[in-house]
Amino acid sequence: MAKSINFLLLFSLLAFAPLCQCTKKIEGSLYPQFYEGSCPRVDEIVNSIVAKAFAKDPRMAASLLRLHFHDCFVKGCDASILLDSSGTIISEKRSNPNRDSARGFEVIDEIKSAIEKECPDTVSCADILALSARDSTVLTGGPNWEVPLGRRDSLGASIQGSNNNIPAPNNTFETILTKFKLKGLDIVDLVALSGSHTIGDSRCTSFRQRLYNQSGNGKADFTLDQNYAAKLRTQCPRSGGDQNLFVLDFVTPTKFDNNYFKNLLANKGLLSSDEILLTKNKVSADLVKKYAERNDIFFEQFAKSMIKMGNITPLTDSRGEIRKHCRKINK
């Protein structure tokens, strides 16, 4: 890291360093020192711009973390989510999970522009997404980890994959777990990564059915605390208000901590996909209880699961390309 890195981030790096000692190449040829010789200031540049964006808009941390997640679950961690529609490419930004909700693209553009000035044609957009997700977690008080690097960028997108592969708020537990397993992730990763909902917001349209018609019988979800549900109904009506935003963790909405899991135990998880971690599977329920009790265990597993997710079928070596602009493939 460059000497100019601020003291707070340096302290955070030291405090959480034991979470990952990734000093060697790992599966897929990714390793933290990938740009050590070719672009040594990449960490500093990404952190500086992410920190500036976060200071301006605290929601941005969750948005950047979500971008990395939504990228990796479609075609692997290859920055396909960043591509705009052009020629034969239909942008994943138009998919149901991303339309009207995926954001942070301008921040990635700013990071890419700064890095291109520093070391042209060197750092992939996919690696920028991975670093931005890590920095967003640290800036909100969460764990730190060394990000394995060396991904390359895709030459296309998959709106079908985005629609089908990304877990949805109203999916069953079995469906969500299957989507994770298809990407090489297990039930521990599912619960730990769901903990990212300790920051960020969700739209009314993503959980309305829990308030009015959870099972198709016109009744609310009985697993949702009824006082909490009544409060949600005041801003999420039966019709209209689809884009109204609600914090995912009403206790500490901008702090990365384990209150998300404590909320689940109190039947105050916002999304159905949150609460079913407690109500539909004993293994996941036990993990929810463990993470609610031990923030340190949650942090340690979250870091491990983020590294594991970031290694979903990356493009390496001569596959893909290093895009000059993250929104379009090179000509």
C-alpha atoms as a PDB file:
ATOM      1  CA  MET A   1       0.000   0.000   0.000  1.00  0.00           C
ATOM      2  CA  ALA A   2       1.263   3.518  -0.681  1.00  0.00           C
ATOM      3  CA  LYS A   3       2.510   5.593   2.246  1.00  0.00           C
ATOM      4  CA  SER A   4      -0.225   8.142   1.683  1.00  0.00           C
ATOM      5  CA  ILE A   5      -2.973   5.758   2.737  1.00  0.00           C
ATOM      6  CA  ASN A   6      -4.941   7.287   5.591  1.00  0.00           C
ATOM      7  CA  PHE A   7      -4.375   6.189   9.172  1.00  0.00           C
ATOM      8  CA  LEU A   8      -7.901   4.889   9.750  1.00  0.00           C
ATOM      9  CA  LEU A   9      -7.761   2.479   6.847  1.00  0.00           C
ATOM     10  CA  LEU A  10      -4.261   1.396   7.827  1.00  0.00           C
ATOM     11  CA  PHE A  11      -5.517   0.652  11.344  1.00  0.00           C
ATOM     12  CA  SER A  12      -8.394  -1.320   9.877  1.00  0.00           C
ATOM     13  CA  LEU A  13      -6.016  -3.327   7.726  1.00  0.00           C
ATOM     14  CA  LEU A  14      -3.907  -4.183  10.749  1.00  0.00           C
ATOM     15  CA  ALA A  15      -6.900  -4.982  12.924  1.00  0.00           C
ATOM     16  CA  PHE A  16      -8.382  -7.487  10.544  1.00  0.00           C
ATOM     17  CA  ALA A  17      -5.252  -8.840   8.846  1.00  0.00           C
ATOM     18  CA  PRO A  18      -5.549 -12.284  10.533  1.00  0.00           C
ATOM     19  CA  LEU A  19      -8.769 -12.956   8.626  1.00  0.00           C
ATOM     20  CA  CYS A  20      -6.808 -13.897   5.524  1.00  0.00           C
ATOM     21  CA  GLN A  21      -3.172 -14.571   4.864  1.00  0.00           C
ATOM     22  CA  CYS A  22      -3.480 -14.826   1.086  1.00  0.00           C
ATOM     23  CA  THR A  23       0.130 -14.456   0.032  1.00  0.00           C
ATOM     24  CA  LYS A  24       0.233 -17.180  -2.601  1.00  0.00           C
ATOM     25  CA  LYS A  25      -1.633 -17.944  -5.779  1.00  0.00           C
ATOM     26  CA  ILE A  26      -4.958 -19.650  -5.220  1.00  0.00           C
ATOM     27  CA  GLU A  27      -7.165 -21.678  -7.501  1.00  0.00           C
ATOM     28  CA  GLY A  28      -7.879 -19.836 -10.754  1.00  0.00           C
ATOM     29  CA  SER A  29      -4.469 -18.057 -10.721  1.00  0.00           C
ATOM     30  CA  LEU A  30      -5.766 -15.201  -8.579  1.00  0.00           C
ATOM     31  CA  TYR A  31      -3.534 -13.723  -5.886  1.00  0.00           C
ATOM     32  CA  PRO A  32      -3.398 -10.419  -3.958  1.00  0.00           C
ATOM     33  CA  GLN A  33      -0.020  -9.305  -5.309  1.00  0.00           C
ATOM     34  CA  PHE A  34      -1.060  -9.605  -8.972  1.00  0.00           C
ATOM     35  CA  TYR A  35      -0.545  -5.851  -9.648  1.00  0.00           C
ATOM     36  CA  GLU A  36       2.410  -5.378  -7.316  1.00  0.00           C
ATOM     37  CA  GLY A  37       4.780  -4.613 -10.190  1.00  0.00           C
ATOM     38  CA  SER A  38       2.384  -3.400 -12.904  1.00  0.00           C
ATOM     39  CA  CYS A  39       0.109  -1.088 -10.882  1.00  0.00           C
ATOM     40  CA  PRO A  40       1.262  -0.840  -7.256  1.00  0.00           C
ATOM     41  CA  ARG A  41      -1.148   1.986  -6.322  1.00  0.00           C
ATOM     42  CA  VAL A  42      -4.306   0.184  -7.414  1.00  0.00           C
ATOM     43  CA  ASP A  43      -5.489  -0.448  -3.831  1.00  0.00           C
ATOM     44  CA  GLU A  44      -4.907   3.165  -2.878  1.00  0.00           C
ATOM     45  CA  ILE A  45      -6.757   4.528  -5.919  1.00  0.00           C
ATOM     46  CA  VAL A  46      -9.789   2.283  -5.446  1.00  0.00           C
ATOM     47  CA  ASN A  47     -10.014   3.004  -1.730  1.00  0.00           C
ATOM     48  CA  SER A  48      -9.724   6.763  -2.201  1.00  0.00           C
ATOM     49  CA  ILE A  49     -12.566   6.962  -4.717  1.00  0.00           C
ATOM     50  CA  VAL A  50     -14.812   4.514  -2.864  1.00  0.00           C
ATOM     51  CA  ALA A  51     -14.276   6.468   0.366  1.00  0.00           C
ATOM     52  CA  LYS A  52     -15.172   9.718  -1.393  1.00  0.00           C
ATOM     53  CA  ALA A  53     -18.328   8.182  -2.879  1.00  0.00           C
ATOM     54  CA  PHE A  54     -19.311   6.742   0.501  1.00  0.00           C
ATOM     55  CA  ALA A  55     -18.843  10.090   2.237  1.00  0.00           C
ATOM     56  CA  LYS A  56     -21.144  11.676  -0.329  1.00  0.00           C
ATOM     57  CA  ASP A  57     -23.725   8.862  -0.289  1.00  0.00           C
ATOM     58  CA  PRO A  58     -23.581   6.244   2.517  1.00  0.00           C
ATOM     59  CA  ARG A  59     -25.873   3.965   0.479  1.00  0.00           C
ATOM     60  CA  MET A  60     -23.074   3.544  -2.050  1.00  0.00           C
ATOM     61  CA  ALA A  61     -21.196   1.009   0.086  1.00  0.00           C
ATOM     62  CA  ALA A  62     -24.044  -1.493  -0.088  1.00  0.00           C
ATOM     63  CA  SER A  63     -24.570  -0.746  -3.777  1.00  0.00           C
ATOM     64  CA  LEU A  64     -20.951  -1.537  -4.677  1.00  0.00           C
ATOM     65  CA  LEU A  65     -20.987  -4.703  -2.571  1.00  0.00           C
ATOM     66  CA  ARG A  66     -24.167  -5.783  -4.345  1.00  0.00           C
ATOM     67  CA  LEU A  67     -22.662  -5.107  -7.792  1.00  0.00           C
ATOM     68  CA  HIS A  68     -19.862  -7.591  -7.110  1.00  0.00           C
ATOM     69  CA  PHE A  69     -22.356 -10.206  -5.902  1.00  0.00           C
ATOM     70  CA  HIS A  70     -24.645  -9.747  -8.914  1.00  0.00           C
ATOM     71  CA  ASP A  71     -21.652  -9.897 -11.238  1.00  0.00           C
ATOM     72  CA  CYS A  72     -20.209 -13.123  -9.856  1.00  0.00           C
ATOM     73  CA  PHE A  73     -23.511 -15.034  -9.969  1.00  0.00           C
ATOM     74  CA  VAL A  74     -23.765 -14.458 -13.738  1.00  0.00           C
ATOM     75  CA  LYS A  75     -21.023 -15.957 -15.909  1.00  0.00           C
ATOM     76  CA  GLY A  76     -18.590 -15.663 -13.003  1.00  0.00           C
ATOM     77  CA  CYS A  77     -16.729 -12.608 -11.687  1.00  0.00           C
ATOM     78  CA  ASP A  78     -16.014 -11.008 -15.053  1.00  0.00           C
ATOM     79  CA  ALA A  79     -17.593  -7.515 -14.941  1.00  0.00           C
ATOM     80  CA  SER A  80     -20.363  -8.541 -17.342  1.00  0.00           C
ATOM     81  CA  ILE A  81     -22.811  -6.548 -15.193  1.00  0.00           C
ATOM     82  CA  LEU A  82     -21.042  -3.316 -16.151  1.00  0.00           C
ATOM     83  CA  LEU A  83     -21.614  -3.625 -19.903  1.00  0.00           C
ATOM     84  CA  ASP A  84     -24.170  -1.354 -21.540  1.00  0.00           C
ATOM     85  CA  SER A  85     -26.291  -2.662 -24.396  1.00  0.00           C
ATOM     86  CA  SER A  86     -24.570  -2.365 -27.765  1.00  0.00           C
ATOM     87  CA  GLY A  87     -24.435  -4.451 -30.916  1.00  0.00           C
ATOM     88  CA  THR A  88     -25.247  -8.020 -29.915  1.00  0.00           C
ATOM     89  CA  ILE A  89     -24.909  -7.296 -26.181  1.00  0.00           C
ATOM     90  CA  ILE A  90     -28.098  -6.976 -24.119  1.00  0.00           C
ATOM     91  CA  SER A  91     -27.109  -5.397 -20.825  1.00  0.00           C
ATOM     92  CA  GLU A  92     -27.630  -7.252 -17.557  1.00  0.00           C
ATOM     93  CA  LYS A  93     -28.653  -3.882 -16.151  1.00  0.00           C
ATOM     94  CA  ARG A  94     -32.063  -4.533 -17.753  1.00  0.00           C
ATOM     95  CA  SER A  95     -32.649  -7.796 -15.861  1.00  0.00           C
ATOM     96  CA  ASN A  96     -35.255  -8.084 -13.107  1.00  0.00           C
ATOM     97  CA  PRO A  97     -32.699  -8.205 -10.254  1.00  0.00           C
ATOM     98  CA  ASN A  98     -30.866  -5.109 -11.566  1.00  0.00           C
ATOM     99  CA  ARG A  99     -33.445  -2.908 -13.266  1.00  0.00           C
ATOM    100  CA  ASP A 100     -34.193   0.219 -11.196  1.00  0.00           C
ATOM    101  CA  SER A 101     -31.967  -1.018  -8.351  1.00  0.00           C
ATOM    102  CA  ALA A 102     -28.372  -1.715  -9.455  1.00  0.00           C
ATOM    103  CA  ARG A 103     -26.292   1.417  -8.944  1.00  0.00           C
ATOM    104  CA  GLY A 104     -22.728   2.584  -8.458  1.00  0.00           C
ATOM    105  CA  PHE A 105     -21.713   2.361 -12.106  1.00  0.00           C
ATOM    106  CA  GLU A 106     -20.463   5.953 -12.120  1.00  0.00           C
ATOM    107  CA  VAL A 107     -18.169   5.195  -9.174  1.00  0.00           C
ATOM    108  CA  ILE A 108     -16.671   2.243 -11.057  1.00  0.00           C
ATOM    109  CA  ASP A 109     -16.241   4.500 -14.103  1.00  0.00           C
ATOM    110  CA  GLU A 110     -14.357   7.049 -11.999  1.00  0.00           C
ATOM    111  CA  ILE A 111     -12.082   4.383 -10.535  1.00  0.00           C
ATOM    112  CA  LYS A 112     -11.371   2.910 -13.960  1.00  0.00           C
ATOM    113  CA  SER A 113     -10.546   6.332 -15.420  1.00  0.00           C
ATOM    114  CA  ALA A 114      -8.102   7.090 -12.597  1.00  0.00           C
ATOM    115  CA  ILE A 115      -6.422   3.706 -12.895  1.00  0.00           C
ATOM    116  CA  GLU A 116      -6.109   3.982 -16.680  1.00  0.00           C
ATOM    117  CA  LYS A 117      -4.192   7.235 -16.201  1.00  0.00           C
ATOM    118  CA  GLU A 118      -1.896   5.564 -13.677  1.00  0.00           C
ATOM    119  CA  CYS A 119      -1.345   2.238 -15.470  1.00  0.00           C
ATOM    120  CA  PRO A 120      -3.144   1.873 -18.821  1.00  0.00           C
ATOM    121  CA  ASP A 121      -4.509  -1.466 -20.048  1.00  0.00           C
ATOM    122  CA  THR A 122      -3.539  -3.236 -16.840  1.00  0.00           C
ATOM    123  CA  VAL A 123      -6.314  -3.510 -14.217  1.00  0.00           C
ATOM    124  CA  SER A 124      -9.577  -5.254 -15.080  1.00  0.00           C
ATOM    125  CA  CYS A 125     -13.016  -3.923 -14.277  1.00  0.00           C
ATOM    126  CA  ALA A 126     -13.747  -7.264 -12.611  1.00  0.00           C
ATOM    127  CA  ASP A 127     -10.900  -6.698 -10.144  1.00  0.00           C
ATOM    128  CA  ILE A 128     -12.113  -3.147  -9.522  1.00  0.00           C
ATOM    129  CA  LEU A 129     -15.499  -4.572  -8.536  1.00  0.00           C
ATOM    130  CA  ALA A 130     -13.869  -7.026  -6.135  1.00  0.00           C
ATOM    131  CA  LEU A 131     -11.714  -4.342  -4.515  1.00  0.00           C
ATOM    132  CA  SER A 132     -14.634  -1.913  -4.273  1.00  0.00           C
ATOM    133  CA  ALA A 133     -16.733  -4.542  -2.488  1.00  0.00           C
ATOM    134  CA  ARG A 134     -13.969  -5.135   0.053  1.00  0.00           C
ATOM    135  CA  ASP A 135     -13.389  -1.420   0.647  1.00  0.00           C
ATOM    136  CA  SER A 136     -17.136  -0.809   1.019  1.00  0.00           C
ATOM    137  CA  THR A 137     -17.263  -3.468   3.715  1.00  0.00           C
ATOM    138  CA  VAL A 138     -14.291  -2.005   5.610  1.00  0.00           C
ATOM    139  CA  LEU A 139     -15.553   1.582   5.362  1.00  0.00           C
ATOM    140  CA  THR A 140     -18.832   0.599   7.030  1.00  0.00           C
ATOM    141  CA  GLY A 141     -17.045  -1.138   9.900  1.00  0.00           C
ATOM    142  CA  GLY A 142     -16.873  -4.663   8.536  1.00  0.00           C
ATOM    143  CA  PRO A 143     -13.998  -7.118   8.135  1.00  0.00           C
ATOM    144  CA  ASN A 144     -11.026  -6.677   5.859  1.00  0.00           C
ATOM    145  CA  TRP A 145      -9.403  -9.292   3.637  1.00  0.00           C
ATOM    146  CA  GLU A 146      -6.716  -9.482   0.998  1.00  0.00           C
ATOM    147  CA  VAL A 147      -8.491  -9.614  -2.363  1.00  0.00           C
ATOM    148  CA  PRO A 148      -7.108 -12.229  -4.783  1.00  0.00           C
ATOM    149  CA  LEU A 149      -6.602 -10.429  -8.121  1.00  0.00           C
ATOM    150  CA  GLY A 150      -5.917 -11.265 -11.739  1.00  0.00           C
ATOM    151  CA  ARG A 151      -9.412 -11.480 -13.199  1.00  0.00           C
ATOM    152  CA  ARG A 152     -10.039 -10.380 -16.773  1.00  0.00           C
ATOM    153  CA  ASP A 153     -13.176  -8.871 -18.274  1.00  0.00           C
ATOM    154  CA  SER A 154     -15.838 -10.668 -20.276  1.00  0.00           C
ATOM    155  CA  LEU A 155     -16.583 -10.039 -23.945  1.00  0.00           C
ATOM    156  CA  GLY A 156     -20.327 -10.302 -23.409  1.00  0.00           C
ATOM    157  CA  ALA A 157     -23.228 -10.277 -20.978  1.00  0.00           C
ATOM    158  CA  SER A 158     -26.116 -12.596 -20.144  1.00  0.00           C
ATOM    159  CA  ILE A 159     -29.455 -11.048 -19.272  1.00  0.00           C
ATOM    160  CA  GLN A 160     -30.922 -14.551 -19.117  1.00  0.00           C
ATOM    161  CA  GLY A 161     -28.291 -15.604 -16.603  1.00  0.00           C
ATOM    162  CA  SER A 162     -28.955 -12.483 -14.566  1.00  0.00           C
ATOM    163  CA  ASN A 163     -32.684 -13.213 -14.491  1.00  0.00           C
ATOM    164  CA  ASN A 164     -32.231 -16.880 -13.611  1.00  0.00           C
ATOM    165  CA  ASN A 165     -29.089 -17.200 -11.471  1.00  0.00           C
ATOM    166  CA  ILE A 166     -29.312 -14.362  -8.948  1.00  0.00           C
ATOM    167  CA  PRO A 167     -31.293 -15.338  -5.825  1.00  0.00           C
ATOM    168  CA  ALA A 168     -34.557 -13.423  -5.565  1.00  0.00           C
ATOM    169  CA  PRO A 169     -36.209 -12.061  -2.379  1.00  0.00           C
ATOM    170  CA  ASN A 170     -39.224 -14.350  -2.805  1.00  0.00           C
ATOM    171  CA  ASN A 171     -37.349 -17.533  -3.764  1.00  0.00           C
ATOM    172  CA  THR A 172     -37.786 -20.573  -1.544  1.00  0.00           C
ATOM    173  CA  PHE A 173     -34.913 -21.625   0.700  1.00  0.00           C
ATOM    174  CA  GLU A 174     -34.273 -24.663  -1.512  1.00  0.00           C
ATOM    175  CA  THR A 175     -34.124 -22.526  -4.655  1.00  0.00           C
ATOM    176  CA  ILE A 176     -31.701 -20.044  -3.118  1.00  0.00           C
ATOM    177  CA  LEU A 177     -29.440 -22.791  -1.761  1.00  0.00           C
ATOM    178  CA  THR A 178     -29.458 -24.498  -5.173  1.00  0.00           C
ATOM    179  CA  LYS A 179     -28.384 -21.246  -6.856  1.00  0.00           C
ATOM    180  CA  PHE A 180     -25.504 -20.996  -4.401  1.00  0.00           C
ATOM    181  CA  LYS A 181     -24.467 -24.617  -4.847  1.00  0.00           C
ATOM    182  CA  LEU A 182     -24.429 -24.235  -8.643  1.00  0.00           C
ATOM    183  CA  LYS A 183     -21.744 -21.577  -8.103  1.00  0.00           C
ATOM    184  CA  GLY A 184     -19.672 -23.766  -5.778  1.00  0.00           C
ATOM    185  CA  LEU A 185     -20.938 -22.092  -2.608  1.00  0.00           C
ATOM    186  CA  ASP A 186     -22.478 -23.922   0.351  1.00  0.00           C
ATOM    187  CA  ILE A 187     -24.999 -23.233   3.109  1.00  0.00           C
ATOM    188  CA  VAL A 188     -22.350 -21.572   5.292  1.00  0.00           C
ATOM    189  CA  ASP A 189     -21.549 -19.156   2.455  1.00  0.00           C
ATOM    190  CA  LEU A 190     -25.262 -18.523   1.932  1.00  0.00           C
ATOM    191  CA  VAL A 191     -25.875 -17.456   5.521  1.00  0.00           C
ATOM    192  CA  ALA A 192     -22.634 -15.496   5.872  1.00  0.00           C
ATOM    193  CA  LEU A 193     -23.046 -13.602   2.587  1.00  0.00           C
ATOM    194  CA  SER A 194     -26.692 -12.851   3.415  1.00  0.00           C
ATOM    195  CA  GLY A 195     -25.194 -10.919   6.318  1.00  0.00           C
ATOM    196  CA  SER A 196     -24.270  -8.211   3.806  1.00  0.00           C
ATOM    197  CA  HIS A 197     -27.880  -7.123   4.314  1.00  0.00           C
ATOM    198  CA  THR A 198     -26.636  -5.493   7.498  1.00  0.00           C
ATOM    199  CA  ILE A 199     -26.214  -2.409   5.271  1.00  0.00           C
ATOM    200  CA  GLY A 200     -28.247  -1.050   2.388  1.00  0.00           C
ATOM    201  CA  ASP A 201     -31.883  -0.692   1.422  1.00  0.00           C
ATOM    202  CA  SER A 202     -34.602  -2.636  -0.318  1.00  0.00           C
ATOM    203  CA  ARG A 203     -37.568  -1.504  -2.372  1.00  0.00           C
ATOM    204  CA  CYS A 204     -41.192  -1.973  -1.314  1.00  0.00           C
ATOM    205  CA  THR A 205     -41.783  -4.175  -4.341  1.00  0.00           C
ATOM    206  CA  SER A 206     -39.200  -6.672  -3.049  1.00  0.00           C
ATOM    207  CA  PHE A 207     -41.105  -7.541   0.131  1.00  0.00           C
ATOM    208  CA  ARG A 208     -44.701  -6.346  -0.393  1.00  0.00           C
ATOM    209  CA  GLN A 209     -46.034  -9.902  -0.586  1.00  0.00           C
ATOM    210  CA  ARG A 210     -44.916 -10.479   3.037  1.00  0.00           C
ATOM    211  CA  LEU A 211     -47.194  -7.675   4.172  1.00  0.00           C
ATOM    212  CA  TYR A 212     -50.331  -8.614   2.273  1.00  0.00           C
ATOM    213  CA  ASN A 213     -50.245 -11.978   0.493  1.00  0.00           C
ATOM    214  CA  GLN A 214     -47.331 -14.202   1.475  1.00  0.00           C
ATOM    215  CA  SER A 215     -48.897 -17.569   0.589  1.00  0.00           C
ATOM    216  CA  GLY A 216     -51.457 -16.520  -2.004  1.00  0.00           C
ATOM    217  CA  ASN A 217     -54.256 -16.496   0.562  1.00  0.00           C
ATOM    218  CA  GLY A 218     -54.402 -12.750   1.101  1.00  0.00           C
ATOM    219  CA  LYS A 219     -52.733 -12.975   4.496  1.00  0.00           C
ATOM    220  CA  ALA A 220     -49.476 -11.493   5.773  1.00  0.00           C
ATOM    221  CA  ASP A 221     -46.404 -13.578   6.536  1.00  0.00           C
ATOM    222  CA  PHE A 222     -46.941 -14.996  10.035  1.00  0.00           C
ATOM    223  CA  THR A 223     -43.148 -15.195  10.566  1.00  0.00           C
ATOM    224  CA  LEU A 224     -42.890 -11.380  10.373  1.00  0.00           C
ATOM    225  CA  ASP A 225     -43.264  -9.462  13.641  1.00  0.00           C
ATOM    226  CA  GLN A 226     -46.697  -7.888  13.343  1.00  0.00           C
ATOM    227  CA  ASN A 227     -45.768  -4.543  14.882  1.00  0.00           C
ATOM    228  CA  TYR A 228     -42.870  -4.291  12.462  1.00  0.00           C
ATOM    229  CA  ALA A 229     -45.183  -5.289   9.598  1.00  0.00           C
ATOM    230  CA  ALA A 230     -47.694  -2.595  10.549  1.00  0.00           C
ATOM    231  CA  LYS A 231     -44.932   0.016  10.485  1.00  0.00           C
ATOM    232  CA  LEU A 232     -43.770  -1.176   7.057  1.00  0.00           C
ATOM    233  CA  ARG A 233     -47.310  -0.977   5.661  1.00  0.00           C
ATOM    234  CA  THR A 234     -47.423   2.773   6.312  1.00  0.00           C
ATOM    235  CA  GLN A 235     -44.840   3.322   3.563  1.00  0.00           C
ATOM    236  CA  CYS A 236     -45.376   0.169   1.489  1.00  0.00           C
ATOM    237  CA  PRO A 237     -49.047   0.132   0.459  1.00  0.00           C
ATOM    238  CA  ARG A 238     -50.871  -2.716  -1.210  1.00  0.00           C
ATOM    239  CA  SER A 239     -50.375  -0.950  -4.538  1.00  0.00           C
ATOM    240  CA  GLY A 240     -48.095   1.904  -5.551  1.00  0.00           C
ATOM    241  CA  GLY A 241     -44.883   3.034  -3.930  1.00  0.00           C
ATOM    242  CA  ASP A 242     -42.876   0.256  -5.563  1.00  0.00           C
ATOM    243  CA  GLN A 243     -39.618   2.198  -5.383  1.00  0.00           C
ATOM    244  CA  ASN A 244     -39.996   3.365  -1.769  1.00  0.00           C
ATOM    245  CA  LEU A 245     -36.806   2.426   0.087  1.00  0.00           C
ATOM    246  CA  PHE A 246     -36.509   0.664   3.446  1.00  0.00           C
ATOM    247  CA  VAL A 247     -33.354  -0.102   5.388  1.00  0.00           C
ATOM    248  CA  LEU A 248     -32.512  -3.798   5.545  1.00  0.00           C
ATOM    249  CA  ASP A 249     -31.216  -3.458   9.113  1.00  0.00           C
ATOM    250  CA  PHE A 250     -33.345  -0.962  11.026  1.00  0.00           C
ATOM    251  CA  VAL A 251     -31.045  -1.017  14.097  1.00  0.00           C
ATOM    252  CA  THR A 252     -27.705   0.019  12.541  1.00  0.00           C
ATOM    253  CA  PRO A 253     -28.541   0.581   8.854  1.00  0.00           C
ATOM    254  CA  THR A 254     -25.180   2.055   7.801  1.00  0.00           C
ATOM    255  CA  LYS A 255     -22.900  -0.055  10.017  1.00  0.00           C
ATOM    256  CA  PHE A 256     -21.598  -3.458   8.989  1.00  0.00           C
ATOM    257  CA  ASP A 257     -22.265  -5.671  12.019  1.00  0.00           C
ATOM    258  CA  ASN A 258     -24.253  -8.711  13.145  1.00  0.00           C
ATOM    259  CA  ASN A 259     -27.478  -6.867  13.991  1.00  0.00           C
ATOM    260  CA  TYR A 260     -28.908  -8.324  10.786  1.00  0.00           C
ATOM    261  CA  PHE A 261     -28.870 -11.762  12.423  1.00  0.00           C
ATOM    262  CA  LYS A 262     -30.249 -10.419  15.698  1.00  0.00           C
ATOM    263  CA  ASN A 263     -33.124  -8.917  13.718  1.00  0.00           C
ATOM    264  CA  LEU A 264     -33.879 -12.317  12.187  1.00  0.00           C
ATOM    265  CA  LEU A 265     -34.131 -13.846  15.658  1.00  0.00           C
ATOM    266  CA  ALA A 266     -36.661 -11.122  16.524  1.00  0.00           C
ATOM    267  CA  ASN A 267     -38.689 -11.926  13.365  1.00  0.00           C
ATOM    268  CA  LYS A 268     -37.761  -8.565  11.916  1.00  0.00           C
ATOM    269  CA  GLY A 269     -35.883  -9.565   8.811  1.00  0.00           C
ATOM    270  CA  LEU A 270     -37.139  -7.386   5.952  1.00  0.00           C
ATOM    271  CA  LEU A 271     -37.024  -9.832   3.045  1.00  0.00           C
ATOM    272  CA  SER A 272     -38.557 -13.272   2.898  1.00  0.00           C
ATOM    273  CA  SER A 273     -35.147 -14.541   1.721  1.00  0.00           C
ATOM    274  CA  ASP A 274     -33.734 -13.215   5.002  1.00  0.00           C
ATOM    275  CA  GLU A 275     -36.242 -14.695   7.423  1.00  0.00           C
ATOM    276  CA  ILE A 276     -36.295 -18.165   5.821  1.00  0.00           C
ATOM    277  CA  LEU A 277     -32.663 -18.588   6.894  1.00  0.00           C
ATOM    278  CA  LEU A 278     -34.128 -18.971  10.390  1.00  0.00           C
ATOM    279  CA  THR A 279     -37.441 -20.670   9.665  1.00  0.00           C
ATOM    280  CA  LYS A 280     -36.829 -23.178   6.858  1.00  0.00           C
ATOM    281  CA  ASN A 281     -33.585 -25.015   7.646  1.00  0.00           C
ATOM    282  CA  LYS A 282     -31.994 -26.118  10.922  1.00  0.00           C
ATOM    283  CA  VAL A 283     -28.404 -25.785   9.727  1.00  0.00           C
ATOM    284  CA  SER A 284     -28.937 -22.235   8.510  1.00  0.00           C
ATOM    285  CA  ALA A 285     -30.941 -21.386  11.659  1.00  0.00           C
ATOM    286  CA  ASP A 286     -28.055 -22.555  13.836  1.00  0.00           C
ATOM    287  CA  LEU A 287     -25.668 -20.382  11.814  1.00  0.00           C
ATOM    288  CA  VAL A 288     -27.962 -17.371  12.216  1.00  0.00           C
ATOM    289  CA  LYS A 289     -27.911 -17.904  15.994  1.00  0.00           C
ATOM    290  CA  LYS A 290     -24.116 -18.311  16.016  1.00  0.00           C
ATOM    291  CA  TYR A 291     -23.511 -15.137  14.026  1.00  0.00           C
ATOM    292  CA  ALA A 292     -26.047 -13.202  16.133  1.00  0.00           C
ATOM    293  CA  GLU A 293     -24.095 -14.187  19.245  1.00  0.00           C
ATOM    294  CA  ARG A 294     -20.558 -13.798  17.869  1.00  0.00           C
ATOM    295  CA  ASN A 295     -19.822 -10.859  15.603  1.00  0.00           C
ATOM    296  CA  ASP A 296     -16.184 -11.969  15.292  1.00  0.00           C
ATOM    297  CA  ILE A 297     -17.172 -15.383  13.924  1.00  0.00           C
ATOM    298  CA  PHE A 298     -19.518 -13.723  11.418  1.00  0.00           C
ATOM    299  CA  PHE A 299     -16.778 -11.344  10.263  1.00  0.00           C
ATOM    300  CA  GLU A 300     -14.271 -14.161   9.832  1.00  0.00           C
ATOM    301  CA  GLN A 301     -16.670 -16.277   7.781  1.00  0.00           C
ATOM    302  CA  PHE A 302     -17.897 -13.332   5.713  1.00  0.00           C
ATOM    303  CA  ALA A 303     -14.323 -12.595   4.629  1.00  0.00           C
ATOM    304  CA  LYS A 304     -13.744 -16.248   3.709  1.00  0.00           C
ATOM    305  CA  SER A 305     -17.022 -16.460   1.780  1.00  0.00           C
ATOM    306  CA  MET A 306     -16.331 -13.225  -0.113  1.00  0.00           C
ATOM    307  CA  ILE A 307     -12.976 -14.602  -1.267  1.00  0.00           C
ATOM    308  CA  LYS A 308     -14.676 -17.845  -2.271  1.00  0.00           C
ATOM    309  CA  MET A 309     -17.431 -16.003  -4.155  1.00  0.00           C
ATOM    310  CA  GLY A 310     -14.862 -13.788  -5.869  1.00  0.00           C
ATOM    311  CA  ASN A 311     -13.283 -16.906  -7.328  1.00  0.00           C
ATOM    312  CA  ILE A 312     -16.382 -18.084  -9.220  1.00  0.00           C
ATOM    313  CA  THR A 313     -15.088 -19.020 -12.691  1.00  0.00           C
ATOM    314  CA  PRO A 314     -12.867 -15.967 -13.258  1.00  0.00           C
ATOM    315  CA  LEU A 315     -11.409 -15.281 -16.672  1.00  0.00           C
ATOM    316  CA  THR A 316      -7.619 -15.454 -16.391  1.00  0.00           C
ATOM    317  CA  ASP A 317      -4.483 -15.577 -18.541  1.00  0.00           C
ATOM    318  CA  SER A 318      -5.468 -14.938 -22.186  1.00  0.00           C
ATOM    319  CA  ARG A 319      -9.228 -15.341 -21.759  1.00  0.00           C
ATOM    320  CA  GLY A 320     -11.363 -12.229 -21.949  1.00  0.00           C
ATOM    321  CA  GLU A 321      -9.701  -8.821 -22.033  1.00  0.00           C
ATOM    322  CA  ILE A 322      -8.756  -5.785 -19.972  1.00  0.00           C
ATOM    323  CA  ARG A 323     -11.432  -3.263 -20.918  1.00  0.00           C
ATOM    324  CA  LYS A 324     -10.376   0.360 -21.345  1.00  0.00           C
ATOM    325  CA  HIS A 325     -13.919   1.420 -20.451  1.00  0.00           C
ATOM    326  CA  CYS A 326     -15.962  -0.779 -18.129  1.00  0.00           C
ATOM    327  CA  ARG A 327     -19.241  -0.150 -19.962  1.00  0.00           C
ATOM    328  CA  LYS A 328     -18.108  -1.501 -23.335  1.00  0.00           C
ATOM    329  CA  ILE A 329     -15.800  -4.107 -24.799  1.00  0.00           C
ATOM    330  CA  ASN A 330     -12.641  -3.005 -26.582  1.00  0.00           C
ATOM    331  CA  LYS A 331     -12.803  -2.576 -30.356  1.00  0.00           C
END
